[in-house]
């Protein structure tokens, strides 16, 4: 029996709609981050001033239950992964780009494996998953689908990227050396997006660095 959208949402929750992304995403509560929760207590860490921890849209009363529901369904997929995997495939089938965890992070190597299976079943979709859970990634044994960019995120602001593990990385910097342009002054209505009209050049720019596995490091400005 073919899975319906209603069945997919029951299995894995709704998708998220991060405003600057060129597609949908999925998010869970930042409070459920494993490494991130520890880093919130570390001065100078990227997580010390987490944008997704009780701030902005993530604190809205209509958003928080959706975050919690997605996390609950992710955890249930540890014992029975197929409904969650099939549900995610159904929900993102018509996407060109998909971001994993605009809030939240991996919950275990099993969670990482489930995400990779979603990527395998959606070979036409470009996936991007940033994570601070290095061990959960390196503990995985198996092939990595070519349509997913796994970015290991540096823990500290202005810290060195974790390049030794062999995956693309991301950093947060304050010295103006960032190569993420989402926060530059686009034309009105497009500032803060991965696409927009650059008012200094008059050119429309579509940036997909985060999904590009040949881009060794994406450096974000601290915000």
Protein backbone atom coordinates (compact mmCIF):
# COMPACT_ATOMS: atom_id res chain seq x y z
CA UNK A 1 0.00 0.00 0.00
CA UNK A 2 1.33 3.40 -0.98
CA UNK A 3 2.04 5.73 1.92
CA UNK A 4 0.01 8.93 2.09
CA UNK A 5 1.09 12.36 3.30
CA UNK A 6 -1.10 11.88 6.37
CA UNK A 7 0.60 8.58 7.13
CA UNK A 8 4.04 10.15 6.58
CA UNK A 9 3.31 12.99 9.02
CA UNK A 10 2.09 10.48 11.59
CA UNK A 11 5.37 8.57 11.24
CA UNK A 12 7.89 11.42 11.30
CA UNK A 13 6.09 14.73 11.85
CA UNK A 14 5.81 17.70 9.54
CA UNK A 15 8.76 19.17 7.68
CA UNK A 16 10.12 22.55 8.77
CA UNK A 17 10.33 25.59 6.53
CA UNK A 18 13.58 27.44 7.31
CA UNK A 19 13.10 30.83 5.70
CA UNK A 20 16.48 31.26 4.02
CA UNK A 21 16.72 27.74 2.59
CA UNK A 22 15.91 26.81 -1.04
CA UNK A 23 13.78 23.92 0.22
CA UNK A 24 12.30 22.24 3.25
CA UNK A 25 14.06 21.00 6.35
CA UNK A 26 13.44 19.13 9.55
CA UNK A 27 14.12 20.26 13.10
CA UNK A 28 14.04 18.98 16.66
CA UNK A 29 14.43 20.89 19.94
CA UNK A 30 17.86 22.40 20.52
CA UNK A 31 17.46 21.34 24.15
CA UNK A 32 17.70 17.73 22.95
CA UNK A 33 21.13 18.24 21.35
CA UNK A 34 23.64 16.00 23.07
CA UNK A 35 26.96 17.76 22.44
CA UNK A 36 25.23 21.10 21.94
CA UNK A 37 23.71 21.01 25.42
CA UNK A 38 27.19 20.63 26.92
CA UNK A 39 28.59 23.40 24.74
CA UNK A 40 25.93 25.90 25.82
CA UNK A 41 27.80 26.10 29.12
CA UNK A 42 31.16 26.75 27.42
CA UNK A 43 32.07 30.44 26.92
CA UNK A 44 33.02 31.18 23.33
CA UNK A 45 31.33 28.12 21.90
CA UNK A 46 29.01 28.37 18.92
CA UNK A 47 26.23 26.90 21.08
CA UNK A 48 26.64 29.38 23.93
CA UNK A 49 24.29 31.78 22.13
CA UNK A 50 22.29 29.18 20.18
CA UNK A 51 19.84 30.81 17.76
CA UNK A 52 17.47 27.83 18.06
CA UNK A 53 17.37 27.58 21.84
CA UNK A 54 14.23 29.37 22.99
CA UNK A 55 14.75 32.20 20.50
CA UNK A 56 12.88 33.51 17.48
CA UNK A 57 10.43 31.22 15.73
CA UNK A 58 11.75 28.21 17.64
CA UNK A 59 10.14 29.61 20.81
CA UNK A 60 6.71 30.16 19.26
CA UNK A 61 3.91 28.23 20.92
CA UNK A 62 2.84 26.70 17.60
CA UNK A 63 6.39 25.62 16.72
CA UNK A 64 7.57 24.01 19.96
CA UNK A 65 5.05 21.12 19.89
CA UNK A 66 6.10 20.28 16.31
CA UNK A 67 9.76 20.19 17.38
CA UNK A 68 8.97 17.89 20.31
CA UNK A 69 6.81 15.64 18.15
CA UNK A 70 9.55 15.20 15.53
CA UNK A 71 12.05 14.32 18.26
CA UNK A 72 9.68 11.77 19.81
CA UNK A 73 9.17 10.10 16.42
CA UNK A 74 12.92 10.12 15.70
CA UNK A 75 13.54 8.32 19.00
CA UNK A 76 10.83 5.76 18.19
CA UNK A 77 12.61 5.01 14.91
CA UNK A 78 15.56 3.54 16.77
CA UNK A 79 13.61 0.32 17.31
CA UNK A 80 11.41 0.47 14.19
CA UNK A 81 13.07 2.66 11.53
CA UNK A 82 11.05 1.83 8.42
CA UNK A 83 7.93 3.97 9.07
CA UNK A 84 10.09 7.03 9.81
CA UNK A 85 12.33 6.45 6.79
CA UNK A 86 9.39 5.91 4.45
CA UNK A 87 7.62 8.94 5.88
CA UNK A 88 10.60 11.23 5.31
CA UNK A 89 11.00 9.94 1.75
CA UNK A 90 7.35 10.74 1.05
CA UNK A 91 7.52 14.24 2.53
CA UNK A 92 10.67 15.37 0.72
CA UNK A 93 10.20 13.55 -2.59
CA UNK A 94 9.37 16.74 -4.51
CA UNK A 95 12.23 18.77 -3.03
CA UNK A 96 15.43 19.67 -4.85
CA UNK A 97 17.35 20.63 -1.70
CA UNK A 98 16.78 19.46 1.85
CA UNK A 99 18.39 20.51 5.13
CA UNK A 100 18.59 18.22 8.11
CA UNK A 101 18.37 19.88 11.51
CA UNK A 102 17.94 23.61 11.16
CA UNK A 103 17.50 22.99 14.89
CA UNK A 104 18.66 19.92 16.76
CA UNK A 105 21.22 17.23 15.91
CA UNK A 106 21.85 13.51 15.62
CA UNK A 107 20.70 11.30 18.48
CA UNK A 108 22.83 8.27 17.71
CA UNK A 109 24.68 6.36 14.99
CA UNK A 110 21.35 4.62 14.26
CA UNK A 111 19.78 8.04 13.56
CA UNK A 112 22.60 8.86 11.14
CA UNK A 113 22.11 5.52 9.40
CA UNK A 114 18.37 6.20 9.03
CA UNK A 115 19.06 9.59 7.46
CA UNK A 116 21.50 8.05 5.00
CA UNK A 117 18.81 5.56 3.99
CA UNK A 118 16.41 8.44 3.31
CA UNK A 119 19.10 9.98 1.09
CA UNK A 120 19.56 6.69 -0.79
CA UNK A 121 15.84 6.51 -1.51
CA UNK A 122 15.74 10.11 -2.75
CA UNK A 123 18.75 10.20 -5.12
CA UNK A 124 17.35 13.25 -6.95
CA UNK A 125 17.35 15.35 -3.75
CA UNK A 126 20.49 17.13 -2.52
CA UNK A 127 20.79 16.68 1.25
CA UNK A 128 22.85 18.66 3.75
CA UNK A 129 23.36 17.61 7.35
CA UNK A 130 25.49 19.72 9.70
CA UNK A 131 26.42 17.99 12.97
CA UNK A 132 28.58 18.27 16.05
CA UNK A 133 28.18 14.57 16.81
CA UNK A 134 31.45 13.51 15.22
CA UNK A 135 31.56 10.07 16.84
CA UNK A 136 28.08 9.17 15.58
CA UNK A 137 29.29 9.86 12.05
CA UNK A 138 32.64 8.08 12.34
CA UNK A 139 31.07 5.06 14.05
CA UNK A 140 28.91 4.45 10.98
CA UNK A 141 30.13 1.58 8.82
CA UNK A 142 28.82 1.60 5.26
CA UNK A 143 28.59 3.66 2.12
CA UNK A 144 27.73 7.37 2.11
CA UNK A 145 25.28 8.35 -0.66
CA UNK A 146 26.77 10.86 -3.09
CA UNK A 147 23.76 13.18 -2.76
CA UNK A 148 24.35 14.07 0.89
CA UNK A 149 26.82 16.63 2.27
CA UNK A 150 27.84 15.82 5.83
CA UNK A 151 29.39 18.89 7.47
CA UNK A 152 31.13 18.55 10.81
CA UNK A 153 30.64 21.82 12.67
CA UNK A 154 33.43 23.45 14.68
CA UNK A 155 32.53 23.82 18.33
CA UNK A 156 34.10 27.21 19.04
CA UNK A 157 33.57 30.63 17.47
CA UNK A 158 36.72 31.36 15.42
CA UNK A 159 37.80 27.79 16.11
CA UNK A 160 39.58 25.56 13.61
CA UNK A 161 37.40 23.22 11.55
CA UNK A 162 37.54 19.49 12.46
CA UNK A 163 39.26 18.53 9.21
CA UNK A 164 41.11 15.48 10.57
CA UNK A 165 37.99 13.31 10.25
CA UNK A 166 37.90 13.70 6.48
CA UNK A 167 34.46 15.28 6.02
CA UNK A 168 33.52 18.77 4.81
CA UNK A 169 33.24 21.21 7.70
CA UNK A 170 31.70 24.47 8.83
CA UNK A 171 32.93 27.24 11.10
CA UNK A 172 31.64 30.47 12.67
CA UNK A 173 33.88 33.52 12.40
CA UNK A 174 33.88 37.15 13.50
CA UNK A 175 36.77 38.49 11.39
CA UNK A 176 34.90 39.00 8.12
CA UNK A 177 36.44 35.95 6.43
CA UNK A 178 33.09 34.14 6.01
CA UNK A 179 32.13 32.70 2.63
CA UNK A 180 28.42 32.39 3.48
CA UNK A 181 26.64 35.34 1.91
CA UNK A 182 23.18 34.79 3.36
CA UNK A 183 23.50 37.87 5.57
CA UNK A 184 24.94 40.32 3.05
CA UNK A 185 22.79 43.20 1.92
CA UNK A 186 20.61 41.65 -0.75
CA UNK A 187 17.88 43.64 -2.41
CA UNK A 188 14.84 44.26 -0.22
CA UNK A 189 13.05 41.06 0.72
CA UNK A 190 15.95 38.69 0.08
CA UNK A 191 18.43 39.52 2.87
CA UNK A 192 19.13 36.47 5.00
CA UNK A 193 18.46 33.97 2.21
CA UNK A 194 20.64 31.57 0.22
CA UNK A 195 19.46 33.35 -2.93
CA UNK A 196 19.04 37.05 -3.63
CA UNK A 197 19.90 40.10 -5.67
CA UNK A 198 23.29 41.44 -4.64
CA UNK A 199 22.79 45.20 -4.55
CA UNK A 200 26.51 45.85 -4.97
CA UNK A 201 26.78 43.89 -8.24
CA UNK A 202 23.21 43.91 -9.52
CA UNK A 203 23.48 40.15 -10.02
CA UNK A 204 21.19 37.40 -8.75
CA UNK A 205 23.20 34.93 -6.69
CA UNK A 206 22.22 31.39 -5.79
CA UNK A 207 24.53 29.95 -3.17
CA UNK A 208 24.51 26.21 -2.50
CA UNK A 209 27.91 25.87 -0.81
CA UNK A 210 26.48 23.97 2.13
CA UNK A 211 25.17 21.18 -0.13
CA UNK A 212 28.38 21.06 -2.21
CA UNK A 213 30.69 18.29 -1.02
CA UNK A 214 33.59 19.84 -2.98
CA UNK A 215 33.35 22.93 -0.74
CA UNK A 216 35.72 21.96 2.05
CA UNK A 217 34.49 24.51 4.60
CA UNK A 218 31.55 26.89 4.87
CA UNK A 219 32.38 29.79 7.18
CA UNK A 220 29.38 31.62 8.63
CA UNK A 221 29.43 35.08 10.18
CA UNK A 222 28.43 34.99 13.85
CA UNK A 223 24.81 36.04 14.20
